[in-house]
C-alpha cells in the first residue's frame, strides 16, 4: 500500500527543532491510531544530532501519537548513529505512548481472534459489588497460562460481559471490513499481565482492578498478542448490586443567577422511573425548611448519534440516561442540601446520598468569591491500569489537590478537553466519577475543546478527527451548560462581582461570524459598576502563548488576535484564559504584542490591556516552551497546575497559579481598580470613546 510521505528539514534552534518534531508526530496521531499509517522523512543536520545527545535528559514526554519514522543523515555522522539518536528522541517525545499506550497504539480489536484454551484461566472475586449502595469496588483477578506466558499477554476489562461477535452490528466497520467481527467492543481498560511479578516465568499472575458502577456487568479477559490479539480465557461476570442507581451529580449555573442545575447519570429510562431533584436550605436560619421538588429532563444517546469511529464502532458503549433538574429561586449565598432520585412505577423511591452546595451571590454582591480555572484535565486510573488515549498523567493529582481545597472554592471552569474519551464512550463514566468530589459541591462549568468537538464535515471550525467521532454530542449531554443551543457551545454566566464570556473556539470566531457578534454582545453587556471584573474564556489560545510563536509564527490561533484584540481592548477585559497548550503561562497587559506597562505583580489604576493566561496544564502530557521567551511573557511553568482568581470586592482581585503537586502558590498578581478606571480611554489610548464638542 502506498503511504503518504512527507519530507521535512528540521533546522533552527534546538527548541524549535523539537517543537517541529512534536507537531509533525502529533499530526500523524489520527492516521496511526485509526487504521492508517503515514510515513515521514526527516533530514537532521549534524548540529542537531550533537545537540540532541545533550538534550535527551531534559526532553519532555509531549507527543500524543507516534508514526513510522525514517531518518536521513546530513553531514559526516553515520546513519546508524543518526537513527539511534533519533530513536532516543522519539522514545522521549513519545515516551507516554510507548509506556502507557502500547496496547492502544498497536491493538486491532477488529482483528481479534477467539482461541479459548483450557490450559488458561481467569478467576475473579468478589463477583458482587456495592451491596450497601456503593458504586466503587476492587476485585482481585487471578490468571494462569500453563505454557507460553509472555510480555505480550494482557488483561482486558470488558463491559457489558457479552462482547463477542453475537453482539456486533451487521454493519460493524462497514460492508467492506477486512476481518470478521470476532470482537465488537474495545476493553474499557487493560493492564499488562506481566504487571504481576514472575508471570512470564511462572504463568501465574494476580492484579487488583478498581471498578465503578457503569450500569452493566464486567468480565476480565486474558489475551495474547497486540497486533492480532487472541482471546485465550475469560472470567465469570462481575456486577454491582444496584446497577441503575443515580450517580455522579454535576452542578452547574442555570440561566439565571438564582438557579442551579444538577445533571446525573442512571440506568433508569423514563418509562420505568420518574427522575427528580429534592433540595432545601441546609443552614439553621429562621425559615421553615420545606424541601422543594423539581422534575428532571432526560436525554439518551445511541450509536447513530456519533459522527464516526471509534465512537460509532468499537468505542461505543451506552452512556446511560442523562438527567438534569433545576433548583430555582435560591436565596443568595446560602447553603443548600440536595438529593437526586427516581420514583419507580411501584411508588418506591431510589435516592442518592445527601450533597451540599452554596448558592451564588446576588449579582454585584460584595462577598468573597473564589474561582478555579483550568483546561485539559482528562482522567487516569487509580489502580494503575490503562485506557485508550491514556496520557493525562497529572489528572489525578490535580483532581485530588483541588478537591482538598473545595471548601475554599465557589465555582470551577474546566475550559475544554474534558475527559479525552475521544470516542471510547465508557471513559465519560470514569471521568465523571473521578471529578465527582468537585462537581457535586460547586458549579462545574465547561467549555468546548477540540477533543470534544472536532470531526470532519460535522460543522466544527477545525476539520480534524480529534473528538474520535463524538463531535460534541457527549460533552454537551454529559454536562448541562446555560447555552441557548448545544451545537453552538458559547454562553455567558455571572457570579457575584464577575461576568464571564465563554467562547467556543471549535466554531468560527472570526470577525463577521455569528460567534464574533455574540462575543461582542457578551462583553458589552457587562455592567462594570455592578460586576467590575470581566473575564474571557476559550479553549484554544485566541490571545497569547509562546508555543505558537515558534510553531506558527504567531502568538495564537491564526487570525484570532487580529479578530478579537480590538474587542478585548474596547470592553476592557481584565483577564483572558485559555487551555489547549499543556503548560502555564501569563502575559503582561498586552496589546498587539507590546506590553503597555512595566508592572508585573500589581496592576492599579486605569485599565491598561488584557492579561492573557494559558492554564492548560491540569493533566495532559506537558507542552515544552520554545526559546527565546517573548517580551510579553511574564511567567511560565512547565508543570501541572491550575489557576484561581479571588474577588474581594469591587476594587481588588487576586490571581494565583498553584501547582498540583502541593497546592501552593507559585505565581500571583493583584488588580486594584475603581469603576472610574474602566470609563473613558484606556491607559495606552488604544481605544477611546468618541466625543463631541456640541453643547
Foldseek 3Di string as FASTA:
>chain_A
DDAAEEEDEQDDDLLLSLLVVQVVFQVQAVQQQPPHAHEYEYEYEPVNLVVLVVCLVPQAQAHLGGGHYDYDYDDDDDRVSVVVSVVSNCCRPNVCCVPFPVLSSQADQQQEAEDADPQKEKEKPDQEDCPVVAFKDKMKIKIFHQDDDDQQKKKFKDPPAPFALVPFDPQFVHPPDPHRGRGWAGGQFMDGQPVAPCCRVHRIGMAMAMGGQQLHKIKMWMWGHRNRIYTHYIYDIHHYPFNFAKDLWFWADALDQFKIKIKIFGQDDCVFWWKKKWKWFDDDDPDDTDIDIWTKDKDWDDLVLFQDPPLNTRQPDTNGIMIMTMDGPHDAQTKMKMWIWIQGPVRDIRIDDIFMETGFHDQLDQAKAKEWEFEQQADDGPRPIHGHSPFQAQNLLLLVLCLVVQVVHAEYEHFENQHLSLNNSSSVVVRSVSNSSNRRYHHYHYAYDCLQAEDAPPQWPDHDSNVRRNRNVVVCRNDPYHDPDSNQGWDWDDGHQETETEHHPRHDCAPPDPRVVVVLVSLVPDPCQRRVAYEYEHAFPLDADQSCCSVPVDGGDPPSLVRPQVSCQQSVHAEYEYAPAAWKWKFAQDHPLDHQDPDDAEAEFARAHYMYIYRHNATGGHHDGGDDDRPGIDDIGGAHWIKMKIDNHSFKIKIFIAGSNNRDTDDIHMYGYDSVRSPAAGPVNPDGDDDDPDD
